[in-house]
Protein backbone atom coordinates (compact mmCIF):
# COMPACT_ATOMS: atom_id res chain seq x y z
CA UNK A 1 119.14 138.01 90.56
CA UNK A 2 122.20 137.24 92.67
CA UNK A 3 125.38 136.49 90.74
CA UNK A 4 127.41 133.38 91.45
CA UNK A 5 131.07 133.10 90.68
CA UNK A 6 131.89 131.13 87.51
CA UNK A 7 128.23 130.83 86.56
CA UNK A 8 126.82 131.72 83.17
CA UNK A 9 123.38 132.81 81.98
CA UNK A 10 121.42 130.54 79.63
CA UNK A 11 120.38 132.49 76.53
CA UNK A 12 118.26 131.01 73.73
CA UNK A 13 119.14 131.92 70.16
CA UNK A 14 116.67 133.03 67.53
CA UNK A 15 115.71 130.55 64.81
CA UNK A 16 118.13 130.22 61.90
CA UNK A 17 117.77 128.67 58.48
CA UNK A 18 119.25 125.23 58.01
CA UNK A 19 121.80 124.88 55.23
CA UNK A 20 121.71 121.98 52.79
CA UNK A 21 125.35 121.09 53.53
CA UNK A 22 124.53 120.38 57.18
CA UNK A 23 121.72 118.02 56.21
CA UNK A 24 123.99 116.23 53.72
CA UNK A 25 126.47 115.53 56.52
CA UNK A 26 123.73 113.89 58.58
CA UNK A 27 122.58 111.70 55.68
CA UNK A 28 126.13 110.58 54.83
CA UNK A 29 126.85 109.73 58.46
CA UNK A 30 123.59 107.81 58.71
CA UNK A 31 124.48 105.77 55.60
CA UNK A 32 127.95 104.87 56.91
CA UNK A 33 126.58 103.71 60.23
CA UNK A 34 123.82 101.74 58.52
CA UNK A 35 126.59 99.73 56.85
CA UNK A 36 128.46 99.35 60.14
CA UNK A 37 125.40 98.06 61.97
CA UNK A 38 125.26 95.05 59.63
CA UNK A 39 128.65 94.01 61.00
CA UNK A 40 128.07 94.79 64.66
CA UNK A 41 124.64 93.12 64.67
CA UNK A 42 126.60 89.86 64.69
CA UNK A 43 127.76 90.70 68.20
CA UNK A 44 125.48 89.50 71.01
CA UNK A 45 124.72 91.77 73.92
CA UNK A 46 124.85 90.28 77.39
CA UNK A 47 121.53 91.47 78.76
CA UNK A 48 121.51 92.13 82.47
CA UNK A 49 118.85 90.39 84.50
CA UNK A 50 116.39 92.74 86.10
CA UNK A 51 116.45 90.82 89.37
CA UNK A 52 119.52 89.09 90.77
CA UNK A 53 121.65 86.85 88.54
CA UNK A 54 123.67 84.20 90.36
CA UNK A 55 127.43 84.17 89.95
CA UNK A 56 127.50 80.80 88.15
CA UNK A 57 124.66 81.83 85.81
CA UNK A 58 126.39 85.06 84.80
CA UNK A 59 129.75 83.29 84.38
CA UNK A 60 128.14 80.73 82.04
CA UNK A 61 126.25 83.34 79.98
CA UNK A 62 129.41 85.36 79.36
CA UNK A 63 131.17 82.22 78.17
CA UNK A 64 128.26 81.17 75.93
CA UNK A 65 127.74 84.55 74.28
CA UNK A 66 131.37 85.46 73.63
CA UNK A 67 132.23 85.87 69.94
CA UNK A 68 135.18 88.24 70.21
CA UNK A 69 138.01 86.98 72.38
CA UNK A 70 141.50 88.50 72.57
CA UNK A 71 143.68 86.48 74.93
CA UNK A 72 141.73 86.15 78.17
CA UNK A 73 139.47 89.13 77.39
CA UNK A 74 135.90 88.72 76.10
CA UNK A 75 134.69 91.78 74.21
CA UNK A 76 131.11 92.91 73.47
CA UNK A 77 131.05 96.01 71.20
CA UNK A 78 128.10 97.73 69.54
CA UNK A 79 127.12 100.88 67.65
CA UNK A 80 123.97 102.88 68.37
CA UNK A 81 122.45 105.62 66.25
CA UNK A 82 119.32 107.35 67.57
CA UNK A 83 117.20 110.50 67.22
CA UNK A 84 118.23 111.13 63.63
CA UNK A 85 115.88 113.84 62.43
CA UNK A 86 114.24 117.17 63.13
CA UNK A 87 113.33 118.52 66.59
CA UNK A 88 110.94 121.48 66.29
CA UNK A 89 111.61 122.83 69.81
CA UNK A 90 115.22 122.27 70.80
CA UNK A 91 115.07 124.45 73.93
CA UNK A 92 111.52 123.49 75.03
CA UNK A 93 110.32 127.08 74.74
CA UNK A 94 106.80 128.40 75.19
CA UNK A 95 105.09 128.88 71.82
CA UNK A 96 104.94 132.67 72.31
CA UNK A 97 108.76 132.80 72.09
CA UNK A 98 109.06 131.31 68.57
CA UNK A 99 110.59 127.89 69.40
CA UNK A 100 113.87 127.01 67.69
CA UNK A 101 113.99 123.86 65.53
CA UNK A 102 117.03 122.00 64.26
CA UNK A 103 118.30 118.76 62.69
CA UNK A 104 119.99 116.44 65.19
CA UNK A 105 121.36 112.96 65.77
CA UNK A 106 122.96 110.98 68.58
CA UNK A 107 125.56 108.28 68.05
CA UNK A 108 127.35 106.08 70.59
CA UNK A 109 129.70 103.10 70.62
CA UNK A 110 129.35 101.22 73.94
CA UNK A 111 131.79 98.37 74.63
CA UNK A 112 132.03 95.91 77.53
CA UNK A 113 135.08 93.78 78.30
CA UNK A 114 135.00 90.76 80.66
CA UNK A 115 137.85 88.84 82.25
CA UNK A 116 136.94 85.45 83.80
CA UNK A 117 139.36 83.81 86.24
CA UNK A 118 139.27 80.30 87.77
CA UNK A 119 135.48 80.09 88.04
CA UNK A 120 135.81 82.53 90.96
CA UNK A 121 136.26 86.00 89.53
CA UNK A 122 134.41 88.15 86.98
CA UNK A 123 136.07 91.46 86.14
CA UNK A 124 134.19 93.81 83.81
CA UNK A 125 134.77 97.21 82.29
CA UNK A 126 132.23 99.18 80.25
CA UNK A 127 132.80 102.40 78.34
CA UNK A 128 130.15 104.34 76.43
CA UNK A 129 131.19 107.44 74.47
CA UNK A 130 128.38 109.30 72.68
CA UNK A 131 128.04 112.45 70.65
CA UNK A 132 124.93 114.61 70.30
CA UNK A 133 124.94 116.72 67.15
CA UNK A 134 122.83 119.75 66.17
CA UNK A 135 123.23 121.26 62.73
CA UNK A 136 122.78 124.94 63.71
CA UNK A 137 122.39 125.15 67.49
CA UNK A 138 126.06 124.47 68.17
CA UNK A 139 125.85 125.16 71.93
CA UNK A 140 123.67 122.04 72.21
CA UNK A 141 126.32 119.77 70.70
CA UNK A 142 127.84 117.58 73.37
CA UNK A 143 130.27 114.74 73.90
CA UNK A 144 128.91 112.50 76.65
CA UNK A 145 130.67 109.56 78.20
CA UNK A 146 130.39 106.97 80.95
CA UNK A 147 132.74 104.32 82.30
CA UNK A 148 131.98 101.53 84.75
CA UNK A 149 134.49 99.02 86.18
CA UNK A 150 133.09 96.19 88.32
CA UNK A 151 133.95 92.82 89.83
CA UNK A 152 132.27 89.74 91.34
CA UNK A 153 134.07 87.26 93.59
CA UNK A 154 132.63 83.85 94.52
CA UNK A 155 133.79 82.83 97.99
CA UNK A 156 133.21 79.44 99.67
CA UNK A 157 130.99 78.44 96.73
CA UNK A 158 128.03 80.38 98.17
CA UNK A 159 129.05 83.92 99.16
CA UNK A 160 129.36 86.55 96.41
CA UNK A 161 131.12 89.85 97.02
CA UNK A 162 130.73 92.45 94.28
CA UNK A 163 131.54 96.08 93.69
CA UNK A 164 131.04 98.57 90.91
CA UNK A 165 131.77 102.20 90.13
CA UNK A 166 130.14 104.49 87.57
CA UNK A 167 131.38 107.79 86.20
CA UNK A 168 129.11 109.65 83.81
CA UNK A 169 129.21 113.14 82.35
CA UNK A 170 126.30 114.01 80.09
CA UNK A 171 124.45 117.07 78.85
CA UNK A 172 120.82 116.38 79.70
CA UNK A 173 117.62 117.67 81.24
CA UNK A 174 117.87 117.17 85.00
CA UNK A 175 114.25 115.99 85.40
CA UNK A 176 110.79 116.31 83.86
CA UNK A 177 110.26 119.91 85.05
CA UNK A 178 113.55 121.09 83.49
CA UNK A 179 113.45 122.55 79.99
CA UNK A 180 117.15 123.25 79.48
CA UNK A 181 119.97 120.75 79.02
CA UNK A 182 122.92 121.15 81.36
CA UNK A 183 125.93 118.99 82.13
CA UNK A 184 125.47 116.54 84.97
CA UNK A 185 128.54 114.79 86.38
CA UNK A 186 127.69 111.68 88.33
CA UNK A 187 129.83 109.39 90.49
CA UNK A 188 128.24 106.20 91.82
CA UNK A 189 129.59 103.30 93.85
CA UNK A 190 128.03 100.12 95.20
CA UNK A 191 129.33 97.30 97.38
CA UNK A 192 127.23 94.16 97.70
CA UNK A 193 127.43 90.89 99.64
CA UNK A 194 124.96 88.10 98.74
CA UNK A 195 124.60 84.56 100.04
CA UNK A 196 123.40 82.15 97.35
CA UNK A 197 121.76 79.13 98.95
CA UNK A 198 121.83 75.70 97.35
CA UNK A 199 118.14 76.04 96.55
CA UNK A 200 116.30 78.97 94.98
CA UNK A 201 116.88 81.68 97.57
CA UNK A 202 119.53 84.39 97.72
CA UNK A 203 119.78 87.18 100.27
CA UNK A 204 122.21 89.91 101.21
CA UNK A 205 122.74 93.63 101.56
CA UNK A 206 124.36 96.48 99.66
CA UNK A 207 125.75 99.95 100.36
CA UNK A 208 125.24 102.61 97.69
CA UNK A 209 126.59 106.13 97.17
CA UNK A 210 125.76 108.66 94.43
CA UNK A 211 127.19 112.16 93.92
CA UNK A 212 125.51 114.56 91.44
CA UNK A 213 127.08 117.81 90.26
CA UNK A 214 125.60 120.26 87.74
CA UNK A 215 126.77 123.20 85.63
CA UNK A 216 126.80 126.71 87.08
CA UNK A 217 124.05 127.85 84.71
CA UNK A 218 121.66 130.65 85.65
CA UNK A 219 118.21 130.23 84.11
CA UNK A 220 116.03 133.34 83.51
CA UNK A 221 113.34 133.55 86.16
CA UNK A 222 115.37 131.68 88.78
CA UNK A 223 117.42 133.19 91.58
CA UNK A 224 120.04 130.46 91.85
CA UNK A 225 121.88 128.36 89.23
CA UNK A 226 121.35 124.65 88.60
CA UNK A 227 124.43 123.69 90.59
CA UNK A 228 123.28 125.41 93.78
CA UNK A 229 119.74 124.06 93.44
CA UNK A 230 120.53 120.43 92.61
CA UNK A 231 124.09 119.45 93.67
CA UNK A 232 123.68 116.67 96.24
CA UNK A 233 124.96 113.40 97.66
CA UNK A 234 122.78 110.31 98.22
CA UNK A 235 123.65 107.38 100.50
CA UNK A 236 121.65 104.16 100.93
CA UNK A 237 121.90 100.87 102.82
CA UNK A 238 119.65 98.14 101.40
CA UNK A 239 118.65 94.62 102.35
CA UNK A 240 117.76 92.22 99.51
CA UNK A 241 115.90 88.93 99.18
CA UNK A 242 115.45 86.93 95.95
CA UNK A 243 113.50 83.73 95.31
CA UNK A 244 113.72 82.03 91.92
CA UNK A 245 110.37 80.82 90.60
CA UNK A 246 111.38 79.95 87.00
CA UNK A 247 114.62 80.15 85.06
CA UNK A 248 115.78 83.77 85.34
CA UNK A 249 112.43 84.82 86.91
CA UNK A 250 112.36 85.89 90.55
CA UNK A 251 110.29 87.26 93.36
CA UNK A 252 112.29 89.95 95.15
CA UNK A 253 112.05 92.30 98.13
CA UNK A 254 114.34 95.32 98.49
CA UNK A 255 114.15 97.44 101.64
CA UNK A 256 116.46 100.21 102.76
CA UNK A 257 117.07 103.62 104.23
CA UNK A 258 119.33 106.52 103.35
CA UNK A 259 119.76 110.25 103.21
CA UNK A 260 119.98 113.08 100.68
CA UNK A 261 122.48 115.84 101.53
CA UNK A 262 122.62 119.04 99.44
CA UNK A 263 125.99 120.64 98.83
CA UNK A 264 125.23 124.37 99.11
CA UNK A 265 123.97 126.29 102.18
CA UNK A 266 121.14 127.89 100.15
CA UNK A 267 119.47 124.51 99.58
CA UNK A 268 120.47 122.48 102.64
CA UNK A 269 116.96 123.01 103.99
CA UNK A 270 116.02 120.24 101.53
CA UNK A 271 118.22 117.63 103.28
CA UNK A 272 116.07 114.54 103.84
CA UNK A 273 115.95 110.98 105.12
CA UNK A 274 114.43 108.24 102.97
CA UNK A 275 112.96 104.83 103.83
CA UNK A 276 111.44 102.34 101.39
CA UNK A 277 110.39 98.78 100.65
CA UNK A 278 109.96 97.43 97.11
CA UNK A 279 108.55 93.91 96.57
CA UNK A 280 108.12 92.67 93.03
CA UNK A 281 108.60 90.08 90.30
CA UNK A 282 111.35 90.16 87.68
CA UNK A 283 110.74 88.21 84.46
CA UNK A 284 113.52 86.96 82.14
CA UNK A 285 114.94 89.49 79.70
CA UNK A 286 114.63 87.05 76.77
CA UNK A 287 111.28 85.40 77.55
CA UNK A 288 107.80 85.86 76.06
CA UNK A 289 106.88 87.91 79.14
CA UNK A 290 109.71 90.17 80.25
CA UNK A 291 110.25 93.13 82.49
CA UNK A 292 109.60 93.97 86.15
CA UNK A 293 106.42 94.34 88.19
CA UNK A 294 107.11 96.28 91.40
CA UNK A 295 104.98 98.39 93.76
CA UNK A 296 106.20 99.50 97.17
CA UNK A 297 106.08 102.11 99.93
CA UNK A 298 108.38 105.09 100.49
CA UNK A 299 108.94 107.82 103.06
CA UNK A 300 110.85 111.05 102.31
CA UNK A 301 111.36 113.15 105.45
CA UNK A 302 112.95 116.65 105.21
CA UNK A 303 114.57 117.05 108.63
CA UNK A 304 116.19 120.50 108.46
CA UNK A 305 113.11 122.63 107.74
CA UNK A 306 109.38 122.59 108.27
CA UNK A 307 108.65 121.35 104.79
CA UNK A 308 106.10 118.75 103.82
CA UNK A 309 107.43 115.25 103.34
CA UNK A 310 106.07 112.24 101.51
CA UNK A 311 104.72 108.90 102.73
CA UNK A 312 102.87 106.65 100.33
CA UNK A 313 102.98 103.96 97.71
CA UNK A 314 105.44 104.09 94.81
CA UNK A 315 105.87 101.94 91.74
CA UNK A 316 108.36 101.07 89.04
CA UNK A 317 106.81 98.64 86.57
CA UNK A 318 107.58 97.91 82.94
CA UNK A 319 106.25 94.77 81.19
CA UNK A 320 106.28 93.44 77.65
CA UNK A 321 104.39 90.43 76.32
CA UNK A 322 104.84 88.78 72.90
CA UNK A 323 101.88 86.99 71.33
CA UNK A 324 101.96 85.79 67.73
CA UNK A 325 102.58 88.87 65.55
CA UNK A 326 101.94 91.29 68.42
CA UNK A 327 104.03 92.72 71.23
CA UNK A 328 102.17 94.55 74.00
CA UNK A 329 103.89 96.99 76.39
CA UNK A 330 102.77 98.57 79.64
CA UNK A 331 104.47 100.68 82.29
CA UNK A 332 103.68 102.43 85.55
CA UNK A 333 105.91 104.69 87.59
CA UNK A 334 105.24 106.70 90.74
CA UNK A 335 108.04 108.34 92.75
CA UNK A 336 109.37 111.60 94.15
CA UNK A 337 111.75 113.91 92.26
CA UNK A 338 113.82 116.80 93.61
CA UNK A 339 112.33 120.12 92.47
CA UNK A 340 114.35 122.90 90.84
CA UNK A 341 111.68 125.37 89.77
CA UNK A 342 109.79 125.65 93.04
CA UNK A 343 110.50 126.04 96.75
CA UNK A 344 109.20 122.52 97.33
CA UNK A 345 111.70 119.90 98.39
CA UNK A 346 110.19 117.47 95.88
CA UNK A 347 107.30 116.81 93.57
CA UNK A 348 105.39 113.57 92.96
CA UNK A 349 105.55 112.14 89.46
CA UNK A 350 102.86 109.64 88.47
CA UNK A 351 102.90 108.14 84.96
CA UNK A 352 101.49 105.30 82.89
CA UNK A 353 102.43 104.06 79.45
CA UNK A 354 101.00 101.62 76.91
CA UNK A 355 102.16 100.47 73.51
CA UNK A 356 101.88 97.82 70.83
CA UNK A 357 103.99 96.49 67.97
CA UNK A 358 102.63 94.55 64.99
CA UNK A 359 104.85 92.49 62.70
CA UNK A 360 103.36 92.89 59.22
CA UNK A 361 105.96 90.47 57.86
CA UNK A 362 109.38 89.08 58.74
CA UNK A 363 110.92 92.40 57.75
CA UNK A 364 108.39 95.11 58.63
CA UNK A 365 107.10 96.16 62.07
CA UNK A 366 104.67 98.93 63.10
CA UNK A 367 104.99 100.56 66.55
CA UNK A 368 102.80 102.85 68.64
CA UNK A 369 103.33 104.06 72.22
CA UNK A 370 101.33 106.40 74.45
CA UNK A 371 102.48 108.03 77.68
CA UNK A 372 100.54 110.08 80.25
CA UNK A 373 101.97 111.60 83.40
CA UNK A 374 100.95 113.88 86.27
CA UNK A 375 103.13 115.85 88.68
CA UNK A 376 101.90 117.20 92.01
CA UNK A 377 103.59 119.67 94.34
CA UNK A 378 102.87 119.37 98.08
CA UNK A 379 103.21 123.08 98.94
CA UNK A 380 101.75 126.14 97.15
CA UNK A 381 103.68 128.75 95.20
CA UNK A 382 102.77 132.44 95.20
CA UNK A 383 102.04 133.70 91.68
CA UNK A 384 101.01 137.08 90.29
CA UNK A 385 97.78 137.20 88.31
CA UNK A 386 97.24 139.44 85.23
CA UNK A 387 95.19 141.83 87.42
CA UNK A 388 98.33 142.37 89.62
CA UNK A 389 96.91 140.35 92.52
CA UNK A 390 98.79 137.47 94.18
CA UNK A 391 97.51 133.99 94.90
CA UNK A 392 98.89 130.80 96.48
CA UNK A 393 98.51 127.97 93.97
CA UNK A 394 99.45 124.29 94.12
CA UNK A 395 101.24 123.62 90.84
CA UNK A 396 100.05 120.61 88.84
CA UNK A 397 101.34 119.48 85.43
CA UNK A 398 100.06 116.93 82.92
CA UNK A 399 102.28 115.29 80.30
CA UNK A 400 101.30 113.38 77.17
CA UNK A 401 103.43 111.78 74.49
CA UNK A 402 102.46 109.92 71.31
CA UNK A 403 105.04 107.97 69.30
CA UNK A 404 104.42 106.07 66.05
CA UNK A 405 107.03 104.22 64.04
CA UNK A 406 107.93 101.86 61.23
CA UNK A 407 110.90 99.47 61.55
CA UNK A 408 112.51 97.59 58.65
CA UNK A 409 114.77 94.64 59.44
CA UNK A 410 118.08 94.82 57.57
CA UNK A 411 120.04 91.93 59.12
CA UNK A 412 119.14 89.36 61.79
CA UNK A 413 117.75 91.37 64.74
CA UNK A 414 119.06 94.72 63.43
CA UNK A 415 116.70 97.20 61.84
CA UNK A 416 116.25 100.79 60.69
CA UNK A 417 113.33 102.67 62.23
CA UNK A 418 111.37 105.76 61.25
CA UNK A 419 109.51 107.55 64.03
CA UNK A 420 107.19 110.50 64.63
CA UNK A 421 106.53 111.76 68.16
CA UNK A 422 104.59 114.56 69.84
CA UNK A 423 105.11 115.65 73.46
CA UNK A 424 103.06 118.17 75.43
CA UNK A 425 103.02 119.59 78.96
CA UNK A 426 99.95 121.44 80.28
CA UNK A 427 100.03 123.15 83.67
CA UNK A 428 97.92 125.39 85.84
CA UNK A 429 101.03 127.62 85.70
CA UNK A 430 100.42 128.64 82.08
CA UNK A 431 103.92 129.97 81.48
CA UNK A 432 105.44 126.45 81.78
CA UNK A 433 103.21 124.93 79.08
CA UNK A 434 105.31 123.32 76.35
CA UNK A 435 104.96 121.39 73.07
CA UNK A 436 107.60 119.52 71.10
CA UNK A 437 107.55 117.36 67.98
CA UNK A 438 110.17 115.11 66.40
CA UNK A 439 110.41 113.21 63.13
CA UNK A 440 113.37 111.04 62.27
CA UNK A 441 114.98 107.63 62.42
CA UNK A 442 117.18 105.30 64.44
CA UNK A 443 118.99 101.97 64.38
CA UNK A 444 117.83 99.11 66.60
CA UNK A 445 119.13 95.66 67.57
CA UNK A 446 115.75 94.53 68.87
CA UNK A 447 113.61 93.70 65.84
């Protein structure tokens, strides 16, 4: 394996016994934050529309929902506490390697501050610090953070110029084929110009840039570290059309083109052009039917090497419908993802999800969600069989996840949830098969 300067090798520790003192710390922290959530549940969260929200509509919603105001600043704080429990396979290891389990929790305190000026300007700043804790596997502990300043400027009563920037550094799995968490540093910027007509139509265009950088971590079985394989820049120009059909519900069409440029010479053969069109319907975030229904067409064209590209339909749909004591959920996603583990430029990820919630009473809710996904690779990989022969095989993975939960309302829309989940990946490359289970709790503001 070639060595890269400043890189480090990922080594998995053997299982260790969990001490009672570590578990006591988790329970005490969970109790303190359960008290805090009763206070912060009083604070409304300004939900972002999934389509396009007009300048005047957003200005009015910020004014209506403000409960904390210091001088001219309108402040929206919250506390989140998730994944409090036991993960039986922290490193997503194959069962033959004795997977490591550990107690864990994640806590975060996102805050958004708005400044409204003269019915013409909206300045916003969001900051989200979070901490991921593991009782014994200390190398997995991480402080993650993101910050996002933005502005919107209403010109001539119809033209809206906006811009936003996002910085995020988080320890995470890069995509669905990655088993190890590494730090990803992301910089994103968007500039947008939209003309809001006096009727129901808005149209405009935006320019988008994203830079991704990863840790110099060498993973056993791979010849290059994460950073060399996945560091890249993405640029996109997009045209946008929105037509309002009901209050906060819209028909939209997004179409654009861009490129993906890899940072290191070893992977620049993956440089590609992209073209896409996404029509769809966005429903209001607070309505009986909410979410987005969108199916489109995409082209990914690697232009530096004779590698297979992609041309076909894609989708990004997530819907939720409330009826009496029931809430029904459905999702569908189909898109391309950059591959790390194979010599393919990308793989195709196709997934569906379904779920239901039942309110037994005003204070108790039962949840169940099911997820199934497939991944397909367009070019074969050469693998060695047990009989020492070699064969070209097209890798194909199947994912399933079951999640069941019980939520108890403690104050207004805030609740404490208990959850059990099981995740599994089966592949025709047997050595990437994985299983993982979790049991624990979380705090929610969406009872």
